[in-house]
Amino acid sequence: MRKKEFASALADIRQVLAREPRHFGALSGLGIILQEMGDEKHALEMFRRALAIHPHLERIPDVVKKLSDKIDGRDI
């Protein structure tokens, strides 16, 4: 996705979340965009928020696990 497309998508997601802060689709979409932009820390936060609302989202738990290991570190 090009930078301009990210800007448009982010604006749409902001509007959705302003109306419905618990919109797990918008939260997970925001997580994907942030991850694509290289902001893995905030992407992880959005994925965690989405899972808190809808714990059975497909693929997101795997993404959270990978990002958590990378960002928070692995347990010893």
PDB file of N, CA and C in Angstrom:
ATOM      1  N   MET A   1       0.855  -1.179   0.000  1.00  0.00           N
ATOM      2  CA  MET A   1       0.000   0.000   0.000  1.00  0.00           C
ATOM      3  C   MET A   1       0.896   1.236   0.000  1.00  0.00           C
ATOM      4  N   ARG A   2       0.569   2.177  -0.802  1.00  0.00           N
ATOM      5  CA  ARG A   2       1.353   3.402  -0.889  1.00  0.00           C
ATOM      6  C   ARG A   2       1.018   4.345   0.256  1.00  0.00           C
ATOM      7  N   LYS A   3       1.942   5.267   0.503  1.00  0.00           N
ATOM      8  CA  LYS A   3       1.796   6.207   1.614  1.00  0.00           C
ATOM      9  C   LYS A   3       0.468   6.962   1.546  1.00  0.00           C
ATOM     10  N   LYS A   4       0.067   7.393   0.355  1.00  0.00           N
ATOM     11  CA  LYS A   4      -1.188   8.130   0.190  1.00  0.00           C
ATOM     12  C   LYS A   4      -2.380   7.247   0.557  1.00  0.00           C
ATOM     13  N   GLU A   5      -2.303   5.972   0.174  1.00  0.00           N
ATOM     14  CA  GLU A   5      -3.380   5.049   0.504  1.00  0.00           C
ATOM     15  C   GLU A   5      -3.452   4.812   2.016  1.00  0.00           C
ATOM     16  N   PHE A   6      -2.297   4.758   2.676  1.00  0.00           N
ATOM     17  CA  PHE A   6      -2.283   4.627   4.130  1.00  0.00           C
ATOM     18  C   PHE A   6      -2.985   5.821   4.767  1.00  0.00           C
ATOM     19  N   ALA A   7      -2.690   7.005   4.276  1.00  0.00           N
ATOM     20  CA  ALA A   7      -3.285   8.222   4.843  1.00  0.00           C
ATOM     21  C   ALA A   7      -4.804   8.183   4.727  1.00  0.00           C
ATOM     22  N   SER A   8      -5.301   7.773   3.592  1.00  0.00           N
ATOM     23  CA  SER A   8      -6.741   7.688   3.385  1.00  0.00           C
ATOM     24  C   SER A   8      -7.367   6.628   4.296  1.00  0.00           C
ATOM     25  N   ALA A   9      -6.729   5.475   4.367  1.00  0.00           N
ATOM     26  CA  ALA A   9      -7.243   4.398   5.222  1.00  0.00           C
ATOM     27  C   ALA A   9      -7.211   4.811   6.688  1.00  0.00           C
ATOM     28  N   LEU A  10      -6.142   5.471   7.104  1.00  0.00           N
ATOM     29  CA  LEU A  10      -6.043   5.921   8.497  1.00  0.00           C
ATOM     30  C   LEU A  10      -7.128   6.935   8.831  1.00  0.00           C
ATOM     31  N   ALA A  11      -7.423   7.817   7.905  1.00  0.00           N
ATOM     32  CA  ALA A  11      -8.495   8.801   8.128  1.00  0.00           C
ATOM     33  C   ALA A  11      -9.834   8.092   8.294  1.00  0.00           C
ATOM     34  N   ASP A  12     -10.096   7.098   7.459  1.00  0.00           N
ATOM     35  CA  ASP A  12     -11.341   6.335   7.574  1.00  0.00           C
ATOM     36  C   ASP A  12     -11.422   5.607   8.912  1.00  0.00           C
ATOM     37  N   ILE A  13     -10.329   4.987   9.310  1.00  0.00           N
ATOM     38  CA  ILE A  13     -10.310   4.243  10.578  1.00  0.00           C
ATOM     39  C   ILE A  13     -10.520   5.191  11.756  1.00  0.00           C
ATOM     40  N   ARG A  14      -9.915   6.367  11.699  1.00  0.00           N
ATOM     41  CA  ARG A  14     -10.122   7.351  12.783  1.00  0.00           C
ATOM     42  C   ARG A  14     -11.598   7.707  12.921  1.00  0.00           C
ATOM     43  N   GLN A  15     -12.278   7.872  11.791  1.00  0.00           N
ATOM     44  CA  GLN A  15     -13.705   8.200  11.831  1.00  0.00           C
ATOM     45  C   GLN A  15     -14.517   7.055  12.433  1.00  0.00           C
ATOM     46  N   VAL A  16     -14.198   5.841  12.028  1.00  0.00           N
ATOM     47  CA  VAL A  16     -14.908   4.676  12.565  1.00  0.00           C
ATOM     48  C   VAL A  16     -14.704   4.591  14.078  1.00  0.00           C
ATOM     49  N   LEU A  17     -13.454   4.719  14.518  1.00  0.00           N
ATOM     50  CA  LEU A  17     -13.156   4.583  15.948  1.00  0.00           C
ATOM     51  C   LEU A  17     -13.710   5.750  16.772  1.00  0.00           C
ATOM     52  N   ALA A  18     -13.874   6.904  16.150  1.00  0.00           N
ATOM     53  CA  ALA A  18     -14.493   8.035  16.852  1.00  0.00           C
ATOM     54  C   ALA A  18     -15.964   7.728  17.130  1.00  0.00           C
ATOM     55  N   ARG A  19     -16.597   7.023  16.202  1.00  0.00           N
ATOM     56  CA  ARG A  19     -18.011   6.671  16.366  1.00  0.00           C
ATOM     57  C   ARG A  19     -18.197   5.417  17.216  1.00  0.00           C
ATOM     58  N   GLU A  20     -17.268   4.456  17.056  1.00  0.00           N
ATOM     59  CA  GLU A  20     -17.374   3.183  17.779  1.00  0.00           C
ATOM     60  C   GLU A  20     -15.970   2.709  18.178  1.00  0.00           C
ATOM     61  N   PRO A  21     -15.522   3.131  19.361  1.00  0.00           N
ATOM     62  CA  PRO A  21     -14.161   2.806  19.809  1.00  0.00           C
ATOM     63  C   PRO A  21     -13.889   1.304  19.960  1.00  0.00           C
ATOM     64  N   ARG A  22     -14.941   0.505  20.027  1.00  0.00           N
ATOM     65  CA  ARG A  22     -14.765  -0.934  20.191  1.00  0.00           C
ATOM     66  C   ARG A  22     -14.932  -1.701  18.870  1.00  0.00           C
ATOM     67  N   HIS A  23     -14.754  -1.033  17.767  1.00  0.00           N
ATOM     68  CA  HIS A  23     -14.882  -1.672  16.458  1.00  0.00           C
ATOM     69  C   HIS A  23     -13.617  -2.499  16.209  1.00  0.00           C
ATOM     70  N   PHE A  24     -13.716  -3.809  16.475  1.00  0.00           N
ATOM     71  CA  PHE A  24     -12.528  -4.662  16.411  1.00  0.00           C
ATOM     72  C   PHE A  24     -11.961  -4.768  15.002  1.00  0.00           C
ATOM     73  N   GLY A  25     -12.803  -4.629  13.990  1.00  0.00           N
ATOM     74  CA  GLY A  25     -12.311  -4.648  12.612  1.00  0.00           C
ATOM     75  C   GLY A  25     -11.433  -3.438  12.315  1.00  0.00           C
ATOM     76  N   ALA A  26     -11.855  -2.282  12.786  1.00  0.00           N
ATOM     77  CA  ALA A  26     -11.063  -1.064  12.594  1.00  0.00           C
ATOM     78  C   ALA A  26      -9.768  -1.146  13.399  1.00  0.00           C
ATOM     79  N   LEU A  27      -9.854  -1.665  14.608  1.00  0.00           N
ATOM     80  CA  LEU A  27      -8.650  -1.798  15.440  1.00  0.00           C
ATOM     81  C   LEU A  27      -7.643  -2.751  14.809  1.00  0.00           C
ATOM     82  N   SER A  28      -8.114  -3.887  14.325  1.00  0.00           N
ATOM     83  CA  SER A  28      -7.186  -4.839  13.716  1.00  0.00           C
ATOM     84  C   SER A  28      -6.658  -4.290  12.390  1.00  0.00           C
ATOM     85  N   GLY A  29      -7.496  -3.583  11.637  1.00  0.00           N
ATOM     86  CA  GLY A  29      -7.033  -2.938  10.413  1.00  0.00           C
ATOM     87  C   GLY A  29      -5.970  -1.897  10.691  1.00  0.00           C
ATOM     88  N   LEU A  30      -6.170  -1.134  11.749  1.00  0.00           N
ATOM     89  CA  LEU A  30      -5.174  -0.146  12.151  1.00  0.00           C
ATOM     90  C   LEU A  30      -3.871  -0.847  12.542  1.00  0.00           C
ATOM     91  N   GLY A  31      -4.001  -1.969  13.228  1.00  0.00           N
ATOM     92  CA  GLY A  31      -2.814  -2.738  13.590  1.00  0.00           C
ATOM     93  C   GLY A  31      -2.044  -3.189  12.359  1.00  0.00           C
ATOM     94  N   ILE A  32      -2.749  -3.639  11.350  1.00  0.00           N
ATOM     95  CA  ILE A  32      -2.100  -4.087  10.111  1.00  0.00           C
ATOM     96  C   ILE A  32      -1.368  -2.924   9.438  1.00  0.00           C
ATOM     97  N   ILE A  33      -2.032  -1.779   9.365  1.00  0.00           N
ATOM     98  CA  ILE A  33      -1.406  -0.607   8.737  1.00  0.00           C
ATOM     99  C   ILE A  33      -0.171  -0.179   9.522  1.00  0.00           C
ATOM    100  N   LEU A  34      -0.293  -0.111  10.835  1.00  0.00           N
ATOM    101  CA  LEU A  34       0.854   0.292  11.656  1.00  0.00           C
ATOM    102  C   LEU A  34       2.010  -0.689  11.504  1.00  0.00           C
ATOM    103  N   GLN A  35       1.691  -1.955  11.432  1.00  0.00           N
ATOM    104  CA  GLN A  35       2.729  -2.963  11.235  1.00  0.00           C
ATOM    105  C   GLN A  35       3.411  -2.769   9.875  1.00  0.00           C
ATOM    106  N   GLU A  36       2.622  -2.523   8.846  1.00  0.00           N
ATOM    107  CA  GLU A  36       3.175  -2.279   7.507  1.00  0.00           C
ATOM    108  C   GLU A  36       4.067  -1.038   7.489  1.00  0.00           C
ATOM    109  N   MET A  37       3.720  -0.053   8.316  1.00  0.00           N
ATOM    110  CA  MET A  37       4.487   1.186   8.388  1.00  0.00           C
ATOM    111  C   MET A  37       5.726   1.045   9.273  1.00  0.00           C
ATOM    112  N   GLY A  38       5.869  -0.107   9.923  1.00  0.00           N
ATOM    113  CA  GLY A  38       7.035  -0.341  10.770  1.00  0.00           C
ATOM    114  C   GLY A  38       6.848   0.031  12.226  1.00  0.00           C
ATOM    115  N   ASP A  39       5.643   0.422  12.604  1.00  0.00           N
ATOM    116  CA  ASP A  39       5.362   0.792  13.999  1.00  0.00           C
ATOM    117  C   ASP A  39       4.781  -0.421  14.722  1.00  0.00           C
ATOM    118  N   GLU A  40       5.647  -1.388  14.981  1.00  0.00           N
ATOM    119  CA  GLU A  40       5.187  -2.660  15.543  1.00  0.00           C
ATOM    120  C   GLU A  40       4.669  -2.533  16.964  1.00  0.00           C
ATOM    121  N   LYS A  41       5.239  -1.618  17.740  1.00  0.00           N
ATOM    122  CA  LYS A  41       4.789  -1.446  19.127  1.00  0.00           C
ATOM    123  C   LYS A  41       3.316  -1.011  19.168  1.00  0.00           C
ATOM    124  N   HIS A  42       2.965  -0.013  18.374  1.00  0.00           N
ATOM    125  CA  HIS A  42       1.579   0.454  18.370  1.00  0.00           C
ATOM    126  C   HIS A  42       0.655  -0.540  17.650  1.00  0.00           C
ATOM    127  N   ALA A  43       1.190  -1.244  16.673  1.00  0.00           N
ATOM    128  CA  ALA A  43       0.411  -2.287  15.998  1.00  0.00           C
ATOM    129  C   ALA A  43       0.010  -3.351  17.016  1.00  0.00           C
ATOM    130  N   LEU A  44       0.960  -3.764  17.840  1.00  0.00           N
ATOM    131  CA  LEU A  44       0.680  -4.763  18.869  1.00  0.00           C
ATOM    132  C   LEU A  44      -0.407  -4.270  19.813  1.00  0.00           C
ATOM    133  N   GLU A  45      -0.344  -3.013  20.185  1.00  0.00           N
ATOM    134  CA  GLU A  45      -1.361  -2.430  21.069  1.00  0.00           C
ATOM    135  C   GLU A  45      -2.751  -2.508  20.428  1.00  0.00           C
ATOM    136  N   MET A  46      -2.850  -2.187  19.139  1.00  0.00           N
ATOM    137  CA  MET A  46      -4.141  -2.238  18.448  1.00  0.00           C
ATOM    138  C   MET A  46      -4.646  -3.673  18.336  1.00  0.00           C
ATOM    139  N   PHE A  47      -3.756  -4.613  18.022  1.00  0.00           N
ATOM    140  CA  PHE A  47      -4.162  -6.012  17.937  1.00  0.00           C
ATOM    141  C   PHE A  47      -4.647  -6.512  19.295  1.00  0.00           C
ATOM    142  N   ARG A  48      -3.973  -6.117  20.353  1.00  0.00           N
ATOM    143  CA  ARG A  48      -4.404  -6.530  21.703  1.00  0.00           C
ATOM    144  C   ARG A  48      -5.767  -5.944  22.049  1.00  0.00           C
ATOM    145  N   ARG A  49      -5.986  -4.695  21.672  1.00  0.00           N
ATOM    146  CA  ARG A  49      -7.300  -4.078  21.926  1.00  0.00           C
ATOM    147  C   ARG A  49      -8.394  -4.799  21.150  1.00  0.00           C
ATOM    148  N   ALA A  50      -8.104  -5.157  19.895  1.00  0.00           N
ATOM    149  CA  ALA A  50      -9.084  -5.875  19.077  1.00  0.00           C
ATOM    150  C   ALA A  50      -9.395  -7.231  19.699  1.00  0.00           C
ATOM    151  N   LEU A  51      -8.371  -7.936  20.163  1.00  0.00           N
ATOM    152  CA  LEU A  51      -8.587  -9.251  20.783  1.00  0.00           C
ATOM    153  C   LEU A  51      -9.333  -9.155  22.108  1.00  0.00           C
ATOM    154  N   ALA A  52      -9.149  -8.072  22.826  1.00  0.00           N
ATOM    155  CA  ALA A  52      -9.877  -7.890  24.087  1.00  0.00           C
ATOM    156  C   ALA A  52     -11.383  -7.800  23.826  1.00  0.00           C
ATOM    157  N   ILE A  53     -11.748  -7.288  22.673  1.00  0.00           N
ATOM    158  CA  ILE A  53     -13.150  -7.151  22.297  1.00  0.00           C
ATOM    159  C   ILE A  53     -13.671  -8.434  21.662  1.00  0.00           C
ATOM    160  N   HIS A  54     -12.868  -9.005  20.788  1.00  0.00           N
ATOM    161  CA  HIS A  54     -13.273 -10.211  20.056  1.00  0.00           C
ATOM    162  C   HIS A  54     -12.108 -11.218  20.112  1.00  0.00           C
ATOM    163  N   PRO A  55     -12.086 -12.047  21.145  1.00  0.00           N
ATOM    164  CA  PRO A  55     -10.941 -12.938  21.367  1.00  0.00           C
ATOM    165  C   PRO A  55     -10.789 -14.061  20.341  1.00  0.00           C
ATOM    166  N   HIS A  56     -11.732 -14.208  19.440  1.00  0.00           N
ATOM    167  CA  HIS A  56     -11.672 -15.310  18.472  1.00  0.00           C
ATOM    168  C   HIS A  56     -11.372 -14.834  17.050  1.00  0.00           C
ATOM    169  N   LEU A  57     -10.724 -13.692  16.930  1.00  0.00           N
ATOM    170  CA  LEU A  57     -10.340 -13.215  15.601  1.00  0.00           C
ATOM    171  C   LEU A  57      -9.331 -14.178  14.981  1.00  0.00           C
ATOM    172  N   GLU A  58      -9.504 -14.455  13.702  1.00  0.00           N
ATOM    173  CA  GLU A  58      -8.575 -15.349  13.006  1.00  0.00           C
ATOM    174  C   GLU A  58      -7.229 -14.658  12.806  1.00  0.00           C
ATOM    175  N   ARG A  59      -6.184 -15.406  12.935  1.00  0.00           N
ATOM    176  CA  ARG A  59      -4.800 -15.001  12.670  1.00  0.00           C
ATOM    177  C   ARG A  59      -4.241 -13.943  13.615  1.00  0.00           C
ATOM    178  N   ILE A  60      -5.063 -13.123  14.221  1.00  0.00           N
ATOM    179  CA  ILE A  60      -4.560 -12.048  15.074  1.00  0.00           C
ATOM    180  C   ILE A  60      -3.820 -12.593  16.299  1.00  0.00           C
ATOM    181  N   PRO A  61      -4.312 -13.656  16.949  1.00  0.00           N
ATOM    182  CA  PRO A  61      -3.534 -14.183  18.084  1.00  0.00           C
ATOM    183  C   PRO A  61      -2.113 -14.597  17.695  1.00  0.00           C
ATOM    184  N   ASP A  62      -1.938 -15.151  16.506  1.00  0.00           N
ATOM    185  CA  ASP A  62      -0.602 -15.528  16.048  1.00  0.00           C
ATOM    186  C   ASP A  62       0.273 -14.288  15.830  1.00  0.00           C
ATOM    187  N   VAL A  63      -0.319 -13.255  15.272  1.00  0.00           N
ATOM    188  CA  VAL A  63       0.417 -12.006  15.043  1.00  0.00           C
ATOM    189  C   VAL A  63       0.809 -11.395  16.387  1.00  0.00           C
ATOM    190  N   VAL A  64      -0.113 -11.401  17.343  1.00  0.00           N
ATOM    191  CA  VAL A  64       0.170 -10.858  18.671  1.00  0.00           C
ATOM    192  C   VAL A  64       1.317 -11.634  19.320  1.00  0.00           C
ATOM    193  N   LYS A  65       1.294 -12.951  19.209  1.00  0.00           N
ATOM    194  CA  LYS A  65       2.359 -13.778  19.786  1.00  0.00           C
ATOM    195  C   LYS A  65       3.710 -13.415  19.185  1.00  0.00           C
ATOM    196  N   LYS A  66       3.778 -13.320  17.851  1.00  0.00           N
ATOM    197  CA  LYS A  66       5.036 -12.988  17.187  1.00  0.00           C
ATOM    198  C   LYS A  66       5.537 -11.601  17.561  1.00  0.00           C
ATOM    199  N   LEU A  67       4.620 -10.629  17.544  1.00  0.00           N
ATOM    200  CA  LEU A  67       5.021  -9.268  17.897  1.00  0.00           C
ATOM    201  C   LEU A  67       5.395  -9.162  19.371  1.00  0.00           C
ATOM    202  N   SER A  68       4.664  -9.855  20.226  1.00  0.00           N
ATOM    203  CA  SER A  68       4.975  -9.841  21.661  1.00  0.00           C
ATOM    204  C   SER A  68       6.367 -10.391  21.907  1.00  0.00           C
ATOM    205  N   ASP A  69       6.681 -11.508  21.253  1.00  0.00           N
ATOM    206  CA  ASP A  69       8.019 -12.093  21.405  1.00  0.00           C
ATOM    207  C   ASP A  69       9.090 -11.117  20.948  1.00  0.00           C
ATOM    208  N   LYS A  70       8.823 -10.443  19.854  1.00  0.00           N
ATOM    209  CA  LYS A  70       9.796  -9.511  19.285  1.00  0.00           C
ATOM    210  C   LYS A  70       9.947  -8.250  20.134  1.00  0.00           C
ATOM    211  N   ILE A  71       8.821  -7.693  20.579  1.00  0.00           N
ATOM    212  CA  ILE A  71       8.838  -6.412  21.282  1.00  0.00           C
ATOM    213  C   ILE A  71       9.068  -6.570  22.788  1.00  0.00           C
ATOM    214  N   ASP A  72       8.313  -7.471  23.390  1.00  0.00           N
ATOM    215  CA  ASP A  72       8.388  -7.644  24.838  1.00  0.00           C
ATOM    216  C   ASP A  72       9.490  -8.611  25.251  1.00  0.00           C
ATOM    217  N   GLY A  73       9.983  -9.399  24.320  1.00  0.00           N
ATOM    218  CA  GLY A  73      11.013 -10.384  24.614  1.00  0.00           C
ATOM    219  C   GLY A  73      10.386 -11.721  25.006  1.00  0.00           C
ATOM    220  N   ARG A  74      11.188 -12.728  24.897  1.00  0.00           N
ATOM    221  CA  ARG A  74      10.730 -14.076  25.237  1.00  0.00           C
ATOM    222  C   ARG A  74      10.974 -14.348  26.718  1.00  0.00           C
ATOM    223  N   ASP A  75      10.095 -15.176  27.283  1.00  0.00           N
ATOM    224  CA  ASP A  75      10.314 -15.623  28.660  1.00  0.00           C
ATOM    225  C   ASP A  75      11.478 -16.589  28.690  1.00  0.00           C
ATOM    226  N   ILE A  76      12.244 -16.519  29.751  1.00  0.00           N
ATOM    227  CA  ILE A  76      13.392 -17.432  29.901  1.00  0.00           C
ATOM    228  C   ILE A  76      13.019 -18.601  30.766  1.00  0.00           C
TER     229      ILE A  76
END
